[in-house]
Amino acid sequence: MSRVIQIIGTRPQFVKCIPELGDVVNTGQHYDIDMVDVSRRFDYTTIKHQHLYDYVKDKKPKLVVVYGDTKSTLWGAEAANKAGVAIAHIEAGVRDDSAKVENKIRKRVDHLATLNFAPTKSAILNLHNEGLGPKSFLVGDIMYDHYLETRTHAGYAIVTIHRAENAKRDVIDGLMEKTIKNHKRVYVFLHHRTKKYFKKWKNKIHLLPPLDHASVLFKLKEAERVYTDSGGLQKEAYWSGVPVTTIGGNPWPEIYMFGYGNAKELIVKYVKEFLTKT
């Protein structure tokens, strides 16, 4: 008996699915095998939507997980609700104030769910405004996770530090230890204020003189991650689709619009916590 059953049925849901959460059921909503993302290989059971309730009732899971706003989302949630099984909704709280069927499905499933996992700050705000705050969690966008996992890059990190409050031996040494450990190569764009602190690392990193703006952007596009205290570079990294770690201070709000790339990790954490209490 699986403690968690995930119900999916469309190509995007195959991309979003987190196989390690539990058993996967495919409703066959996108019945054409060519519509299933071949890059996402995991075992699943095909159950037509008319039989979902019987399947869930027979399996007796502790939680049914549904994704997004498709017919499969609604079918899975209503089957679980009828069977008296708790529901987790991933991508909860998204609203567009339209009469579209997707919007109706989102609201219906959010209100049925025991756990709502919101992808953005606006989504979590919507859930709070509808009285669903106590059972809702801001985790970030699962598709952003997938984007980061599949994005092609050259495997190097870019580091820039120039602010006076970060020009300290302990700050820079700690950052260098982390980046050298996690990346194949590390490029440091030097600044006169912090140049002396990077010298001890010169045999393990690449020290670059100040670059013109076009060269910075060219180097940025193939970076795996950027570590910076520059507001401008934060935005340029975001526009380039490169993950950013902000050194000190506050990041530009838009940069983490979709989370920090750890939505999957947070969802697994919250589901495990829920299961230990049931």
Protein backbone atom coordinates (compact mmCIF):
# COMPACT_ATOMS: atom_id res chain seq x y z
CA MET A 1 0.00 0.00 0.00
CA SER A 2 1.54 3.27 -1.12
CA ARG A 3 1.16 6.14 1.31
CA VAL A 4 1.13 8.65 -1.57
CA ILE A 5 -0.50 8.41 -4.99
CA GLN A 6 0.17 11.06 -7.63
CA ILE A 7 -2.38 11.53 -10.38
CA ILE A 8 -1.24 13.02 -13.70
CA GLY A 9 -2.45 12.86 -17.26
CA THR A 10 -0.90 15.50 -19.50
CA ARG A 11 2.55 16.12 -20.94
CA PRO A 12 3.33 19.07 -18.60
CA GLN A 13 2.36 16.95 -15.61
CA PHE A 14 4.88 14.30 -16.63
CA VAL A 15 7.49 17.07 -16.51
CA LYS A 16 6.32 18.35 -13.12
CA CYS A 17 5.87 14.95 -11.49
CA ILE A 18 8.09 14.08 -8.50
CA PRO A 19 8.41 10.28 -8.71
CA GLU A 20 10.07 9.99 -5.30
CA LEU A 21 6.89 11.21 -3.62
CA GLY A 22 5.05 7.97 -4.32
CA ASP A 23 3.20 5.88 -6.90
CA VAL A 24 2.18 7.59 -10.13
CA VAL A 25 -1.17 7.13 -11.87
CA ASN A 26 -1.68 8.32 -15.45
CA THR A 27 -5.27 9.07 -16.45
CA GLY A 28 -4.36 8.97 -20.13
CA GLN A 29 -5.76 12.45 -20.75
CA HIS A 30 -2.95 12.91 -23.27
CA TYR A 31 -3.36 9.41 -24.60
CA ASP A 32 -0.89 9.72 -27.48
CA ILE A 33 2.48 8.28 -26.40
CA ASP A 34 4.19 11.03 -28.40
CA MET A 35 2.69 13.54 -25.97
CA VAL A 36 4.53 11.96 -23.05
CA ASP A 37 7.91 13.59 -22.40
CA VAL A 38 10.45 10.88 -23.17
CA SER A 39 13.05 12.64 -21.00
CA ARG A 40 10.94 11.80 -17.94
CA ARG A 41 11.16 8.04 -17.48
CA PHE A 42 9.43 6.55 -14.45
CA ASP A 43 6.96 3.76 -13.76
CA TYR A 44 3.27 4.55 -13.67
CA THR A 45 -0.10 2.82 -13.74
CA THR A 46 -2.73 3.88 -16.25
CA ILE A 47 -6.20 4.25 -14.73
CA LYS A 48 -9.01 5.86 -16.70
CA HIS A 49 -10.67 8.73 -14.88
CA GLN A 50 -13.94 6.81 -14.49
CA HIS A 51 -12.12 4.31 -12.27
CA LEU A 52 -9.99 6.68 -10.18
CA TYR A 53 -12.32 6.65 -7.17
CA ASP A 54 -12.36 2.85 -7.00
CA TYR A 55 -8.58 2.75 -7.39
CA VAL A 56 -7.96 5.31 -4.63
CA LYS A 57 -10.51 3.68 -2.34
CA ASP A 58 -8.88 0.28 -2.85
CA LYS A 59 -5.29 1.51 -2.38
CA LYS A 60 -6.12 3.58 0.74
CA PRO A 61 -3.26 6.10 0.46
CA LYS A 62 -2.67 8.78 3.08
CA LEU A 63 -2.36 11.47 0.41
CA VAL A 64 -3.24 12.05 -3.24
CA VAL A 65 -1.07 14.59 -5.08
CA VAL A 66 -2.36 16.49 -8.10
CA TYR A 67 -0.68 19.06 -10.34
CA GLY A 68 -1.85 22.21 -12.08
CA ASP A 69 -5.28 22.86 -13.55
CA THR A 70 -6.23 20.13 -16.04
CA LYS A 71 -9.12 17.69 -16.12
CA SER A 72 -6.78 15.11 -14.56
CA THR A 73 -6.18 17.52 -11.67
CA LEU A 74 -9.89 17.76 -10.99
CA TRP A 75 -10.55 14.07 -11.54
CA GLY A 76 -7.83 13.13 -9.07
CA ALA A 77 -8.91 15.64 -6.44
CA GLU A 78 -12.57 14.69 -6.61
CA ALA A 79 -11.79 10.97 -6.48
CA ALA A 80 -9.63 11.49 -3.40
CA ASN A 81 -12.22 13.73 -1.76
CA LYS A 82 -14.98 11.17 -2.35
CA ALA A 83 -12.74 8.44 -0.91
CA GLY A 84 -11.96 10.55 2.16
CA VAL A 85 -8.27 10.87 1.32
CA ALA A 86 -6.23 14.05 1.89
CA ILE A 87 -5.19 16.02 -1.18
CA ALA A 88 -2.03 17.99 -2.01
CA HIS A 89 -2.21 20.49 -4.86
CA ILE A 90 1.01 21.55 -6.55
CA GLU A 91 0.81 24.94 -8.35
CA ALA A 92 -1.98 26.07 -6.06
CA GLY A 93 -3.30 29.63 -5.77
CA VAL A 94 -2.82 30.71 -9.38
CA ARG A 95 -5.67 33.01 -10.42
CA ASP A 96 -6.45 35.03 -13.52
CA ASP A 97 -9.99 36.22 -12.66
CA SER A 98 -11.39 34.73 -15.85
CA ALA A 99 -14.26 32.37 -16.54
CA LYS A 100 -11.90 29.83 -18.09
CA VAL A 101 -12.33 26.25 -16.99
CA GLU A 102 -8.71 26.14 -15.77
CA ASN A 103 -9.39 28.92 -13.30
CA LYS A 104 -12.47 27.12 -11.99
CA ILE A 105 -10.46 23.91 -11.56
CA ARG A 106 -7.72 25.71 -9.62
CA LYS A 107 -10.19 27.19 -7.16
CA ARG A 108 -12.14 23.97 -6.75
CA VAL A 109 -9.03 21.88 -6.09
CA ASP A 110 -7.44 24.45 -3.76
CA HIS A 111 -10.53 24.41 -1.57
CA LEU A 112 -10.65 20.61 -1.53
CA ALA A 113 -6.95 20.26 -0.73
CA THR A 114 -5.36 19.62 2.64
CA LEU A 115 -2.00 20.95 1.43
CA ASN A 116 -1.63 23.75 -1.12
CA PHE A 117 1.83 24.35 -2.61
CA ALA A 118 1.99 27.82 -4.17
CA PRO A 119 4.54 28.68 -6.90
CA THR A 120 4.67 32.47 -6.42
CA LYS A 121 4.05 35.19 -3.85
CA SER A 122 0.91 36.30 -5.67
CA ALA A 123 -0.40 32.73 -5.56
CA ILE A 124 0.16 32.41 -1.81
CA LEU A 125 -1.53 35.78 -1.33
CA ASN A 126 -4.55 34.55 -3.28
CA LEU A 127 -4.79 31.51 -1.02
CA HIS A 128 -4.61 33.64 2.10
CA ASN A 129 -7.29 35.97 0.72
CA GLU A 130 -9.56 32.95 0.23
CA GLY A 131 -9.06 31.78 3.80
CA LEU A 132 -6.73 28.94 2.86
CA GLY A 133 -3.56 30.33 4.46
CA PRO A 134 -3.15 27.77 7.27
CA LYS A 135 -2.88 24.90 4.81
CA SER A 136 -0.83 26.71 2.15
CA PHE A 137 2.94 26.87 1.59
CA LEU A 138 5.08 29.04 -0.70
CA VAL A 139 7.53 26.62 -2.32
CA GLY A 140 8.39 28.14 -5.69
CA ASP A 141 7.67 26.89 -9.19
CA ILE A 142 8.31 23.21 -9.91
CA MET A 143 8.85 24.08 -13.57
CA TYR A 144 11.65 26.46 -12.60
CA ASP A 145 13.32 23.51 -10.87
CA HIS A 146 13.05 21.50 -14.05
CA TYR A 147 14.38 24.39 -16.12
CA LEU A 148 17.46 24.63 -13.91
CA GLU A 149 17.99 20.87 -14.09
CA THR A 150 17.89 20.80 -17.88
CA ARG A 151 19.39 24.18 -18.77
CA THR A 152 22.63 23.86 -20.70
CA HIS A 153 25.62 25.73 -19.34
CA ALA A 154 29.41 25.55 -19.35
CA GLY A 155 29.66 24.47 -15.71
CA TYR A 156 31.33 27.58 -14.33
CA ALA A 157 30.34 30.10 -11.70
CA ILE A 158 30.75 33.86 -11.85
CA VAL A 159 31.60 35.81 -8.69
CA THR A 160 31.51 39.58 -8.30
CA ILE A 161 31.82 41.41 -5.00
CA HIS A 162 32.30 45.15 -4.65
CA ARG A 163 30.24 46.48 -1.73
CA ALA A 164 32.19 47.69 1.31
CA GLU A 165 30.17 45.56 3.76
CA ASN A 166 31.18 42.41 1.83
CA ALA A 167 34.85 43.31 1.44
CA LYS A 168 35.89 41.08 4.33
CA ARG A 169 38.18 38.09 4.57
CA ASP A 170 35.59 35.82 6.20
CA VAL A 171 32.87 36.67 3.66
CA ILE A 172 35.09 36.05 0.65
CA ASP A 173 36.82 32.94 2.02
CA GLY A 174 33.48 31.39 2.86
CA LEU A 175 32.16 32.13 -0.60
CA MET A 176 35.25 30.75 -2.31
CA GLU A 177 35.10 27.49 -0.37
CA LYS A 178 31.49 27.05 -1.43
CA THR A 179 31.91 27.91 -5.10
CA ILE A 180 35.09 25.87 -5.61
CA LYS A 181 33.36 22.87 -4.08
CA ASN A 182 30.20 23.19 -6.19
CA HIS A 183 31.49 24.29 -9.61
CA LYS A 184 34.06 23.03 -12.11
CA ARG A 185 35.46 26.52 -12.64
CA VAL A 186 35.06 29.84 -10.90
CA TYR A 187 35.55 33.18 -12.63
CA VAL A 188 35.96 36.24 -10.40
CA PHE A 189 35.39 39.65 -11.94
CA LEU A 190 37.84 41.72 -9.89
CA HIS A 191 37.10 45.00 -8.16
CA HIS A 192 39.78 47.18 -6.57
CA ARG A 193 38.07 47.00 -3.17
CA THR A 194 38.13 43.20 -2.95
CA LYS A 195 41.07 42.29 -5.18
CA LYS A 196 43.47 41.62 -2.29
CA TYR A 197 41.13 39.07 -0.69
CA PHE A 198 41.03 36.86 -3.77
CA LYS A 199 44.82 36.56 -4.21
CA LYS A 200 45.13 33.58 -1.85
CA TRP A 201 42.71 31.66 -4.12
CA LYS A 202 44.43 32.48 -7.42
CA ASN A 203 45.57 28.88 -8.02
CA LYS A 204 42.02 27.55 -7.75
CA ILE A 205 40.03 30.24 -9.53
CA HIS A 206 40.24 32.43 -12.62
CA LEU A 207 40.78 36.11 -11.82
CA LEU A 208 39.56 38.44 -14.55
CA PRO A 209 40.22 42.17 -14.85
CA PRO A 210 37.24 44.52 -15.13
CA LEU A 211 35.40 43.66 -18.35
CA ASP A 212 33.37 45.82 -20.69
CA HIS A 213 29.61 45.33 -20.48
CA ALA A 214 29.30 43.28 -23.68
CA SER A 215 31.97 40.84 -22.44
CA VAL A 216 30.22 40.47 -19.10
CA LEU A 217 26.95 39.58 -20.81
CA PHE A 218 28.68 37.11 -23.12
CA LYS A 219 30.32 35.35 -20.18
CA LEU A 220 27.11 35.44 -18.20
CA LYS A 221 24.99 33.51 -20.69
CA GLU A 222 26.84 30.22 -20.20
CA ALA A 223 27.32 30.46 -16.44
CA GLU A 224 25.89 27.78 -14.17
CA ARG A 225 25.29 30.26 -11.35
CA VAL A 226 26.15 33.83 -10.41
CA TYR A 227 27.22 34.97 -6.94
CA THR A 228 27.07 38.74 -6.67
CA ASP A 229 26.24 41.80 -4.61
CA SER A 230 25.56 43.83 -7.76
CA GLY A 231 21.96 44.82 -8.32
CA GLY A 232 22.52 45.26 -12.04
CA LEU A 233 24.18 41.88 -12.54
CA GLN A 234 21.38 40.22 -10.57
CA LYS A 235 18.85 41.50 -13.08
CA GLU A 236 21.01 40.61 -16.09
CA ALA A 237 21.50 37.09 -14.76
CA TYR A 238 17.75 36.76 -14.25
CA TRP A 239 17.07 37.95 -17.80
CA SER A 240 19.62 35.40 -19.05
CA GLY A 241 17.96 32.57 -17.14
CA VAL A 242 20.96 32.11 -14.85
CA PRO A 243 20.35 31.30 -11.15
CA VAL A 244 21.60 34.00 -8.77
CA THR A 245 22.86 33.89 -5.20
CA THR A 246 22.85 37.33 -3.62
CA ILE A 247 25.79 38.16 -1.35
CA GLY A 248 24.52 40.30 1.52
CA GLY A 249 21.70 42.82 1.31
CA ASN A 250 18.35 42.23 -0.32
CA PRO A 251 17.87 40.70 -3.78
CA TRP A 252 15.77 42.32 -6.44
CA PRO A 253 12.26 40.92 -5.76
CA GLU A 254 11.64 39.78 -9.33
CA ILE A 255 14.67 37.49 -9.30
CA TYR A 256 13.02 35.00 -6.98
CA MET A 257 9.58 35.33 -8.54
CA PHE A 258 9.58 31.58 -9.19
CA GLY A 259 11.45 30.55 -6.05
CA TYR A 260 15.02 29.50 -5.43
CA GLY A 261 15.04 26.34 -7.52
CA ASN A 262 14.19 24.11 -4.55
CA ALA A 263 10.43 23.69 -4.93
CA LYS A 264 10.76 19.93 -5.24
CA GLU A 265 12.84 19.73 -2.07
CA LEU A 266 10.32 21.80 -0.10
CA ILE A 267 7.32 19.82 -1.36
CA VAL A 268 8.95 16.52 -0.36
CA LYS A 269 9.76 18.01 3.05
CA TYR A 270 6.20 19.20 3.72
CA VAL A 271 4.69 15.93 2.49
CA LYS A 272 6.96 13.92 4.80
CA GLU A 273 5.99 16.13 7.72
CA PHE A 274 2.32 15.60 6.89
CA LEU A 275 2.74 11.83 6.69
CA THR A 276 4.44 11.63 10.08
CA LYS A 277 1.38 13.26 11.65
CA THR A 278 -1.19 10.93 10.03
